[in-house]
Amino acid sequence: MSTSTSIARINRLSPPERDRFYATFIPSVLLDQFHIDPVTYADAGGSRLLTVTAKTDGSVVEVDLRHAAGAIDPILYAQLTDTINGQILVMAYVVNDPASPRFETDRTSDGSRTHFGVLGRNLPAEEAARAAGLAPGQVRRGLRILPHSILAFEAFVSRLGRDLFFAEPLFYHNAVIFERYGFAYQQGRRWMESIDTRFRKDGDLLRRLDGSNVFRQPEASQTILGRSWAIHDGVLGEPFSGVHMYKMVGKQAGVSTFPDGAWTEEV
């Protein structure tokens, strides 16, 4: 592999070589925890648990790792692409704890996919997920391996001959958590800062937390999780979109748009 390459170029490799390349951003702690062979990505019985989906003439890749053959959800799912400027963009990155309860937030009552709440919502499932401490978009709790994930992904990006990568947070909480792991904003920082102001004293978003449903309780303004659920419920009056972030390999940006925000209230 040359000193600078792309998703599109990796996709043109033979499937075994392509898969080995993409598998390098899977955190070793994840493989160890679920006893997955780091060479074959198979379980003890020989069942392959890693699926890489990519077209040889495309610039998008999906990486799906299960903890067991036939598992409902991946323990890691990532979708990457090249930007028009030739940078690496993380469009989705999900880690699930397969031992945790599952909430059907990804499907409506008739079985249609919600696509993270964009095309529909399953309100009873969302209420139950929120009560269990999950964030919008989650069907299960995570595995709390984000520091390991970022280090592994930075190593992958470096191997591509690059010193940064981009991400598009799907939800408010994603953006705030990314900040705390060293990401900066390419676009959306002022909007994020305005959201913080609007959730504080005399702010319009604080006034909209009127207790009309479980997602709009007044105390939601005080926590990352509370704000994210309120925003997911439409309290902004517009979708949470247009936020673009980036991470310099090995560097911390030191950005914080919710400096005193806890993940959730202490109980």
C-alpha atoms as a PDB file:
ATOM      1  CA  MET A   1       0.000   0.000   0.000  1.00  0.00           C
ATOM      2  CA  SER A   2       1.378   3.422  -0.922  1.00  0.00           C
ATOM      3  CA  THR A   3       1.918   6.231   1.536  1.00  0.00           C
ATOM      4  CA  SER A   4      -1.438   7.793   0.683  1.00  0.00           C
ATOM      5  CA  THR A   5      -4.493   5.810  -0.303  1.00  0.00           C
ATOM      6  CA  SER A   6      -8.280   5.863  -0.146  1.00  0.00           C
ATOM      7  CA  ILE A   7     -11.344   3.753   0.564  1.00  0.00           C
ATOM      8  CA  ALA A   8     -11.930   3.459  -3.186  1.00  0.00           C
ATOM      9  CA  ARG A   9      -8.439   2.080  -3.721  1.00  0.00           C
ATOM     10  CA  ILE A  10      -8.702  -0.414  -0.856  1.00  0.00           C
ATOM     11  CA  ASN A  11     -12.017  -1.603  -2.290  1.00  0.00           C
ATOM     12  CA  ARG A  12     -10.223  -2.600  -5.491  1.00  0.00           C
ATOM     13  CA  LEU A  13      -7.959  -5.028  -3.645  1.00  0.00           C
ATOM     14  CA  SER A  14      -8.683  -8.751  -3.607  1.00  0.00           C
ATOM     15  CA  PRO A  15     -11.341  -9.535  -0.971  1.00  0.00           C
ATOM     16  CA  PRO A  16      -8.904 -11.235   1.448  1.00  0.00           C
ATOM     17  CA  GLU A  17      -6.414  -8.347   1.268  1.00  0.00           C
ATOM     18  CA  ARG A  18      -9.198  -5.766   1.446  1.00  0.00           C
ATOM     19  CA  ASP A  19     -10.749  -7.406   4.500  1.00  0.00           C
ATOM     20  CA  ARG A  20      -7.421  -7.661   6.306  1.00  0.00           C
ATOM     21  CA  PHE A  21      -6.829  -3.978   5.716  1.00  0.00           C
ATOM     22  CA  TYR A  22     -10.205  -2.864   7.066  1.00  0.00           C
ATOM     23  CA  ALA A  23      -9.989  -5.256  10.009  1.00  0.00           C
ATOM     24  CA  THR A  24      -7.014  -3.303  11.333  1.00  0.00           C
ATOM     25  CA  PHE A  25      -9.345  -0.683  12.829  1.00  0.00           C
ATOM     26  CA  ILE A  26     -11.188  -3.275  14.930  1.00  0.00           C
ATOM     27  CA  PRO A  27      -9.977  -2.775  18.536  1.00  0.00           C
ATOM     28  CA  SER A  28      -8.054  -5.798  19.793  1.00  0.00           C
ATOM     29  CA  VAL A  29      -9.874  -5.535  23.114  1.00  0.00           C
ATOM     30  CA  LEU A  30     -13.094  -6.375  21.256  1.00  0.00           C
ATOM     31  CA  LEU A  31     -11.592  -9.482  19.710  1.00  0.00           C
ATOM     32  CA  ASP A  32     -10.179 -10.590  23.041  1.00  0.00           C
ATOM     33  CA  GLN A  33     -13.443 -10.065  24.884  1.00  0.00           C
ATOM     34  CA  PHE A  34     -15.442 -12.232  22.494  1.00  0.00           C
ATOM     35  CA  HIS A  35     -12.700 -14.774  21.708  1.00  0.00           C
ATOM     36  CA  ILE A  36     -12.554 -13.927  18.009  1.00  0.00           C
ATOM     37  CA  ASP A  37      -9.491 -15.091  16.106  1.00  0.00           C
ATOM     38  CA  PRO A  38      -7.484 -11.981  15.090  1.00  0.00           C
ATOM     39  CA  VAL A  39      -6.332 -13.602  11.841  1.00  0.00           C
ATOM     40  CA  THR A  40      -9.405 -15.429  10.546  1.00  0.00           C
ATOM     41  CA  TYR A  41     -12.036 -13.368  12.410  1.00  0.00           C
ATOM     42  CA  ALA A  42     -13.823 -16.609  13.187  1.00  0.00           C
ATOM     43  CA  ASP A  43     -15.141 -18.124  16.387  1.00  0.00           C
ATOM     44  CA  ALA A  44     -13.824 -21.310  17.980  1.00  0.00           C
ATOM     45  CA  GLY A  45     -16.032 -23.369  15.692  1.00  0.00           C
ATOM     46  CA  GLY A  46     -14.637 -21.780  12.545  1.00  0.00           C
ATOM     47  CA  SER A  47     -17.636 -19.589  11.706  1.00  0.00           C
ATOM     48  CA  ARG A  48     -16.495 -16.304  10.171  1.00  0.00           C
ATOM     49  CA  LEU A  49     -17.919 -13.356  12.095  1.00  0.00           C
ATOM     50  CA  LEU A  50     -16.593 -10.466   9.996  1.00  0.00           C
ATOM     51  CA  THR A  51     -18.422  -9.215   6.913  1.00  0.00           C
ATOM     52  CA  VAL A  52     -17.004  -6.491   4.680  1.00  0.00           C
ATOM     53  CA  THR A  53     -19.349  -5.062   2.058  1.00  0.00           C
ATOM     54  CA  ALA A  54     -17.800  -2.929  -0.679  1.00  0.00           C
ATOM     55  CA  LYS A  55     -18.050  -2.550  -4.448  1.00  0.00           C
ATOM     56  CA  THR A  56     -14.809  -2.722  -6.377  1.00  0.00           C
ATOM     57  CA  ASP A  57     -15.794   0.445  -8.253  1.00  0.00           C
ATOM     58  CA  GLY A  58     -17.167   2.242  -5.192  1.00  0.00           C
ATOM     59  CA  SER A  59     -15.837   4.458  -2.416  1.00  0.00           C
ATOM     60  CA  VAL A  60     -18.032   3.203   0.445  1.00  0.00           C
ATOM     61  CA  VAL A  61     -17.381   0.281   2.771  1.00  0.00           C
ATOM     62  CA  GLU A  62     -19.417  -1.349   5.528  1.00  0.00           C
ATOM     63  CA  VAL A  63     -17.668  -3.405   8.189  1.00  0.00           C
ATOM     64  CA  ASP A  64     -19.844  -5.692  10.326  1.00  0.00           C
ATOM     65  CA  LEU A  65     -18.490  -7.841  13.153  1.00  0.00           C
ATOM     66  CA  ARG A  66     -20.742 -10.215  15.126  1.00  0.00           C
ATOM     67  CA  HIS A  67     -19.909 -11.908  18.413  1.00  0.00           C
ATOM     68  CA  ALA A  68     -21.520 -15.166  17.283  1.00  0.00           C
ATOM     69  CA  ALA A  69     -22.808 -16.672  14.055  1.00  0.00           C
ATOM     70  CA  GLY A  70     -26.413 -15.623  13.488  1.00  0.00           C
ATOM     71  CA  ALA A  71     -26.368 -12.828  16.084  1.00  0.00           C
ATOM     72  CA  ILE A  72     -29.119 -10.249  15.612  1.00  0.00           C
ATOM     73  CA  ASP A  73     -26.876  -7.208  15.987  1.00  0.00           C
ATOM     74  CA  PRO A  74     -23.209  -6.556  15.262  1.00  0.00           C
ATOM     75  CA  ILE A  75     -20.853  -5.847  18.123  1.00  0.00           C
ATOM     76  CA  LEU A  76     -19.220  -3.365  15.753  1.00  0.00           C
ATOM     77  CA  TYR A  77     -20.644  -1.751  12.644  1.00  0.00           C
ATOM     78  CA  ALA A  78     -18.867   0.964  10.672  1.00  0.00           C
ATOM     79  CA  GLN A  79     -19.575   2.720   7.407  1.00  0.00           C
ATOM     80  CA  LEU A  80     -16.754   4.703   5.797  1.00  0.00           C
ATOM     81  CA  THR A  81     -16.343   6.641   2.583  1.00  0.00           C
ATOM     82  CA  ASP A  82     -14.031   9.055   0.808  1.00  0.00           C
ATOM     83  CA  THR A  83     -14.971  12.735   0.816  1.00  0.00           C
ATOM     84  CA  ILE A  84     -14.876  14.746  -2.400  1.00  0.00           C
ATOM     85  CA  ASN A  85     -11.546  16.108  -1.147  1.00  0.00           C
ATOM     86  CA  GLY A  86     -10.106  12.628  -0.729  1.00  0.00           C
ATOM     87  CA  GLN A  87     -10.332  12.440   3.065  1.00  0.00           C
ATOM     88  CA  ILE A  88     -11.703   9.575   5.150  1.00  0.00           C
ATOM     89  CA  LEU A  89     -15.234  10.126   6.475  1.00  0.00           C
ATOM     90  CA  VAL A  90     -16.876   7.998   9.171  1.00  0.00           C
ATOM     91  CA  MET A  91     -20.592   7.990   8.357  1.00  0.00           C
ATOM     92  CA  ALA A  92     -21.565   5.514  11.076  1.00  0.00           C
ATOM     93  CA  TYR A  93     -19.796   3.729  13.917  1.00  0.00           C
ATOM     94  CA  VAL A  94     -21.828   1.592  16.319  1.00  0.00           C
ATOM     95  CA  VAL A  95     -20.725  -0.741  19.106  1.00  0.00           C
ATOM     96  CA  ASN A  96     -23.286  -2.963  20.853  1.00  0.00           C
ATOM     97  CA  ASP A  97     -23.137  -5.034  24.010  1.00  0.00           C
ATOM     98  CA  PRO A  98     -24.845  -8.283  22.930  1.00  0.00           C
ATOM     99  CA  ALA A  99     -25.524  -9.286  26.538  1.00  0.00           C
ATOM    100  CA  SER A 100     -27.609  -6.175  27.239  1.00  0.00           C
ATOM    101  CA  PRO A 101     -31.376  -5.850  26.726  1.00  0.00           C
ATOM    102  CA  ARG A 102     -32.485  -4.935  23.212  1.00  0.00           C
ATOM    103  CA  PHE A 103     -34.932  -2.111  22.519  1.00  0.00           C
ATOM    104  CA  GLU A 104     -36.750  -2.007  19.170  1.00  0.00           C
ATOM    105  CA  THR A 105     -35.985   1.657  18.496  1.00  0.00           C
ATOM    106  CA  ASP A 106     -34.805   0.730  14.993  1.00  0.00           C
ATOM    107  CA  ARG A 107     -38.269  -0.350  13.825  1.00  0.00           C
ATOM    108  CA  THR A 108     -41.756   1.085  14.002  1.00  0.00           C
ATOM    109  CA  SER A 109     -44.704  -0.923  15.268  1.00  0.00           C
ATOM    110  CA  ASP A 110     -45.388  -2.198  11.731  1.00  0.00           C
ATOM    111  CA  GLY A 111     -41.799  -3.393  11.310  1.00  0.00           C
ATOM    112  CA  SER A 112     -40.554  -0.568   9.094  1.00  0.00           C
ATOM    113  CA  ARG A 113     -37.031   0.667   9.705  1.00  0.00           C
ATOM    114  CA  THR A 114     -36.793   3.994  11.491  1.00  0.00           C
ATOM    115  CA  HIS A 115     -33.323   4.849  10.134  1.00  0.00           C
ATOM    116  CA  PHE A 116     -32.305   6.353  13.484  1.00  0.00           C
ATOM    117  CA  GLY A 117     -35.656   8.120  13.845  1.00  0.00           C
ATOM    118  CA  VAL A 118     -35.475   9.992  10.544  1.00  0.00           C
ATOM    119  CA  LEU A 119     -38.231   8.015   8.799  1.00  0.00           C
ATOM    120  CA  GLY A 120     -40.251   7.063  11.865  1.00  0.00           C
ATOM    121  CA  ARG A 121     -40.169   6.440  15.592  1.00  0.00           C
ATOM    122  CA  ASN A 122     -41.164   3.690  17.965  1.00  0.00           C
ATOM    123  CA  LEU A 123     -42.109   5.830  20.967  1.00  0.00           C
ATOM    124  CA  PRO A 124     -42.750   3.026  23.486  1.00  0.00           C
ATOM    125  CA  ALA A 125     -39.360   1.499  22.648  1.00  0.00           C
ATOM    126  CA  GLU A 126     -37.650   4.885  22.864  1.00  0.00           C
ATOM    127  CA  GLU A 127     -39.220   5.600  26.240  1.00  0.00           C
ATOM    128  CA  ALA A 128     -38.032   2.251  27.545  1.00  0.00           C
ATOM    129  CA  ALA A 129     -34.544   2.788  26.101  1.00  0.00           C
ATOM    130  CA  ARG A 130     -34.319   6.226  27.662  1.00  0.00           C
ATOM    131  CA  ALA A 131     -35.412   4.840  31.044  1.00  0.00           C
ATOM    132  CA  ALA A 132     -32.632   2.230  30.756  1.00  0.00           C
ATOM    133  CA  GLY A 133     -30.026   4.944  30.182  1.00  0.00           C
ATOM    134  CA  LEU A 134     -29.597   4.520  26.433  1.00  0.00           C
ATOM    135  CA  ALA A 135     -29.156   7.401  24.008  1.00  0.00           C
ATOM    136  CA  PRO A 136     -31.147   8.138  20.846  1.00  0.00           C
ATOM    137  CA  GLY A 137     -30.304   5.693  18.072  1.00  0.00           C
ATOM    138  CA  GLN A 138     -29.175   2.911  20.395  1.00  0.00           C
ATOM    139  CA  VAL A 139     -30.856  -0.488  20.405  1.00  0.00           C
ATOM    140  CA  ARG A 140     -28.477  -1.799  23.073  1.00  0.00           C
ATOM    141  CA  ARG A 141     -26.022  -0.210  25.445  1.00  0.00           C
ATOM    142  CA  GLY A 142     -22.460   0.136  24.215  1.00  0.00           C
ATOM    143  CA  LEU A 143     -19.328  -1.618  25.385  1.00  0.00           C
ATOM    144  CA  ARG A 144     -17.519   1.509  26.604  1.00  0.00           C
ATOM    145  CA  ILE A 145     -14.514   0.968  24.373  1.00  0.00           C
ATOM    146  CA  LEU A 146     -14.473   4.338  22.574  1.00  0.00           C
ATOM    147  CA  PRO A 147     -10.898   5.183  23.664  1.00  0.00           C
ATOM    148  CA  HIS A 148      -9.697   1.860  22.216  1.00  0.00           C
ATOM    149  CA  SER A 149     -11.779   2.407  19.083  1.00  0.00           C
ATOM    150  CA  ILE A 150     -10.309   5.848  18.425  1.00  0.00           C
ATOM    151  CA  LEU A 151      -6.740   4.639  18.904  1.00  0.00           C
ATOM    152  CA  ALA A 152      -7.304   1.720  16.533  1.00  0.00           C
ATOM    153  CA  PHE A 153      -8.942   3.976  13.963  1.00  0.00           C
ATOM    154  CA  GLU A 154      -6.128   6.520  14.183  1.00  0.00           C
ATOM    155  CA  ALA A 155      -3.649   3.723  13.462  1.00  0.00           C
ATOM    156  CA  PHE A 156      -5.752   2.726  10.449  1.00  0.00           C
ATOM    157  CA  VAL A 157      -5.840   6.322   9.192  1.00  0.00           C
ATOM    158  CA  SER A 158      -2.079   6.646   9.628  1.00  0.00           C
ATOM    159  CA  ARG A 159      -1.603   3.487   7.623  1.00  0.00           C
ATOM    160  CA  LEU A 160      -3.516   5.185   4.819  1.00  0.00           C
ATOM    161  CA  GLY A 161      -0.878   7.925   4.905  1.00  0.00           C
ATOM    162  CA  ARG A 162      -3.169  10.528   6.442  1.00  0.00           C
ATOM    163  CA  ASP A 163      -3.089  12.588   9.606  1.00  0.00           C
ATOM    164  CA  LEU A 164      -6.804  13.275  10.137  1.00  0.00           C
ATOM    165  CA  PHE A 165     -10.252  11.859   9.517  1.00  0.00           C
ATOM    166  CA  PHE A 166     -13.778  13.260   9.517  1.00  0.00           C
ATOM    167  CA  ALA A 167     -17.026  12.224  11.192  1.00  0.00           C
ATOM    168  CA  GLU A 168     -20.652  13.299  10.948  1.00  0.00           C
ATOM    169  CA  PRO A 169     -22.352  12.875  14.345  1.00  0.00           C
ATOM    170  CA  LEU A 170     -25.912  11.652  13.933  1.00  0.00           C
ATOM    171  CA  PHE A 171     -27.049  12.988  17.316  1.00  0.00           C
ATOM    172  CA  TYR A 172     -26.234  15.786  19.741  1.00  0.00           C
ATOM    173  CA  HIS A 173     -24.674  13.417  22.263  1.00  0.00           C
ATOM    174  CA  ASN A 174     -22.335  12.023  19.585  1.00  0.00           C
ATOM    175  CA  ALA A 175     -20.948  15.495  18.912  1.00  0.00           C
ATOM    176  CA  VAL A 176     -20.369  16.287  22.604  1.00  0.00           C
ATOM    177  CA  ILE A 177     -18.698  12.937  23.254  1.00  0.00           C
ATOM    178  CA  PHE A 178     -16.489  13.380  20.171  1.00  0.00           C
ATOM    179  CA  GLU A 179     -15.389  16.748  21.575  1.00  0.00           C
ATOM    180  CA  ARG A 180     -14.261  15.035  24.748  1.00  0.00           C
ATOM    181  CA  TYR A 181     -12.115  12.644  22.742  1.00  0.00           C
ATOM    182  CA  GLY A 182     -10.276  15.384  20.900  1.00  0.00           C
ATOM    183  CA  PHE A 183     -12.412  16.163  17.853  1.00  0.00           C
ATOM    184  CA  ALA A 184     -12.798  19.654  16.422  1.00  0.00           C
ATOM    185  CA  TYR A 185     -15.472  21.178  14.203  1.00  0.00           C
ATOM    186  CA  GLN A 186     -15.222  21.688  10.486  1.00  0.00           C
ATOM    187  CA  GLN A 187     -18.799  22.963  10.553  1.00  0.00           C
ATOM    188  CA  GLY A 188     -21.400  23.426  13.270  1.00  0.00           C
ATOM    189  CA  ARG A 189     -19.443  24.682  16.300  1.00  0.00           C
ATOM    190  CA  ARG A 190     -21.365  27.958  16.579  1.00  0.00           C
ATOM    191  CA  TRP A 191     -24.648  26.091  16.278  1.00  0.00           C
ATOM    192  CA  MET A 192     -23.588  23.695  19.031  1.00  0.00           C
ATOM    193  CA  GLU A 193     -22.597  26.649  21.238  1.00  0.00           C
ATOM    194  CA  SER A 194     -25.954  28.301  20.545  1.00  0.00           C
ATOM    195  CA  ILE A 195     -27.751  25.092  21.551  1.00  0.00           C
ATOM    196  CA  ASP A 196     -25.917  25.184  24.867  1.00  0.00           C
ATOM    197  CA  THR A 197     -26.940  28.801  25.429  1.00  0.00           C
ATOM    198  CA  ARG A 198     -30.546  28.078  24.492  1.00  0.00           C
ATOM    199  CA  PHE A 199     -30.761  25.255  27.060  1.00  0.00           C
ATOM    200  CA  ARG A 200     -29.649  27.584  29.856  1.00  0.00           C
ATOM    201  CA  LYS A 201     -31.466  30.248  31.882  1.00  0.00           C
ATOM    202  CA  ASP A 202     -34.015  32.217  29.854  1.00  0.00           C
ATOM    203  CA  GLY A 203     -33.236  30.148  26.753  1.00  0.00           C
ATOM    204  CA  ASP A 204     -36.027  29.165  24.387  1.00  0.00           C
ATOM    205  CA  LEU A 205     -35.081  25.482  24.491  1.00  0.00           C
ATOM    206  CA  LEU A 206     -35.244  25.458  28.275  1.00  0.00           C
ATOM    207  CA  ARG A 207     -38.763  26.888  28.079  1.00  0.00           C
ATOM    208  CA  ARG A 208     -39.741  24.144  25.641  1.00  0.00           C
ATOM    209  CA  LEU A 209     -38.868  21.500  28.222  1.00  0.00           C
ATOM    210  CA  ASP A 210     -42.421  21.771  29.495  1.00  0.00           C
ATOM    211  CA  GLY A 211     -42.919  18.242  30.809  1.00  0.00           C
ATOM    212  CA  SER A 212     -45.327  17.425  27.984  1.00  0.00           C
ATOM    213  CA  ASN A 213     -43.675  14.009  27.559  1.00  0.00           C
ATOM    214  CA  VAL A 214     -40.804  11.981  29.016  1.00  0.00           C
ATOM    215  CA  PHE A 215     -38.317  13.475  26.555  1.00  0.00           C
ATOM    216  CA  ARG A 216     -39.102  17.076  27.525  1.00  0.00           C
ATOM    217  CA  GLN A 217     -38.668  17.112  31.273  1.00  0.00           C
ATOM    218  CA  PRO A 218     -37.139  20.365  32.625  1.00  0.00           C
ATOM    219  CA  GLU A 219     -34.088  18.600  34.050  1.00  0.00           C
ATOM    220  CA  ALA A 220     -33.149  17.369  30.566  1.00  0.00           C
ATOM    221  CA  SER A 221     -31.280  20.630  29.987  1.00  0.00           C
ATOM    222  CA  GLN A 222     -28.663  19.683  32.562  1.00  0.00           C
ATOM    223  CA  THR A 223     -27.266  16.531  30.937  1.00  0.00           C
ATOM    224  CA  ILE A 224     -25.887  15.377  27.595  1.00  0.00           C
ATOM    225  CA  LEU A 225     -28.322  12.478  27.468  1.00  0.00           C
ATOM    226  CA  GLY A 226     -31.309  14.619  28.432  1.00  0.00           C
ATOM    227  CA  ARG A 227     -30.562  17.237  25.803  1.00  0.00           C
ATOM    228  CA  SER A 228     -30.010  14.623  23.125  1.00  0.00           C
ATOM    229  CA  TRP A 229     -33.377  12.959  23.748  1.00  0.00           C
ATOM    230  CA  ALA A 230     -35.129  16.343  23.748  1.00  0.00           C
ATOM    231  CA  ILE A 231     -33.454  17.270  20.461  1.00  0.00           C
ATOM    232  CA  HIS A 232     -34.349  13.863  19.016  1.00  0.00           C
ATOM    233  CA  ASP A 233     -37.949  14.604  20.059  1.00  0.00           C
ATOM    234  CA  GLY A 234     -37.888  17.777  17.973  1.00  0.00           C
ATOM    235  CA  VAL A 235     -37.353  20.470  20.596  1.00  0.00           C
ATOM    236  CA  LEU A 236     -35.078  22.405  18.216  1.00  0.00           C
ATOM    237  CA  GLY A 237     -37.854  22.750  15.665  1.00  0.00           C
ATOM    238  CA  GLU A 238     -35.416  21.484  13.028  1.00  0.00           C
ATOM    239  CA  PRO A 239     -33.377  18.306  12.501  1.00  0.00           C
ATOM    240  CA  PHE A 240     -29.989  17.881  14.148  1.00  0.00           C
ATOM    241  CA  SER A 241     -27.864  17.933  11.009  1.00  0.00           C
ATOM    242  CA  GLY A 242     -25.051  19.750   9.269  1.00  0.00           C
ATOM    243  CA  VAL A 243     -22.457  19.104  11.991  1.00  0.00           C
ATOM    244  CA  HIS A 244     -19.109  18.000  10.583  1.00  0.00           C
ATOM    245  CA  MET A 245     -16.167  17.128  12.823  1.00  0.00           C
ATOM    246  CA  TYR A 246     -12.600  15.974  12.380  1.00  0.00           C
ATOM    247  CA  LYS A 247      -9.879  14.394  14.470  1.00  0.00           C
ATOM    248  CA  MET A 248      -6.166  15.004  14.037  1.00  0.00           C
ATOM    249  CA  VAL A 249      -4.229  11.806  14.666  1.00  0.00           C
ATOM    250  CA  GLY A 250      -2.599  11.914  18.095  1.00  0.00           C
ATOM    251  CA  LYS A 251      -3.905  15.379  18.949  1.00  0.00           C
ATOM    252  CA  GLN A 252      -6.613  16.804  21.185  1.00  0.00           C
ATOM    253  CA  ALA A 253      -8.535  19.834  19.937  1.00  0.00           C
ATOM    254  CA  GLY A 254      -9.717  20.918  23.385  1.00  0.00           C
ATOM    255  CA  VAL A 255     -13.164  22.001  22.194  1.00  0.00           C
ATOM    256  CA  SER A 256     -16.162  21.920  24.543  1.00  0.00           C
ATOM    257  CA  THR A 257     -19.610  23.274  23.726  1.00  0.00           C
ATOM    258  CA  PHE A 258     -21.171  21.891  26.935  1.00  0.00           C
ATOM    259  CA  PRO A 259     -18.286  22.258  29.396  1.00  0.00           C
ATOM    260  CA  ASP A 260     -20.174  21.460  32.587  1.00  0.00           C
ATOM    261  CA  GLY A 261     -22.394  18.780  31.138  1.00  0.00           C
ATOM    262  CA  ALA A 262     -22.544  15.338  32.722  1.00  0.00           C
ATOM    263  CA  TRP A 263     -23.658  12.334  30.687  1.00  0.00           C
ATOM    264  CA  THR A 264     -26.652  11.820  32.946  1.00  0.00           C
ATOM    265  CA  GLU A 265     -27.767  12.773  36.413  1.00  0.00           C
ATOM    266  CA  GLU A 266     -26.174  10.994  39.343  1.00  0.00           C
ATOM    267  CA  VAL A 267     -28.631   8.669  41.057  1.00  0.00           C
END
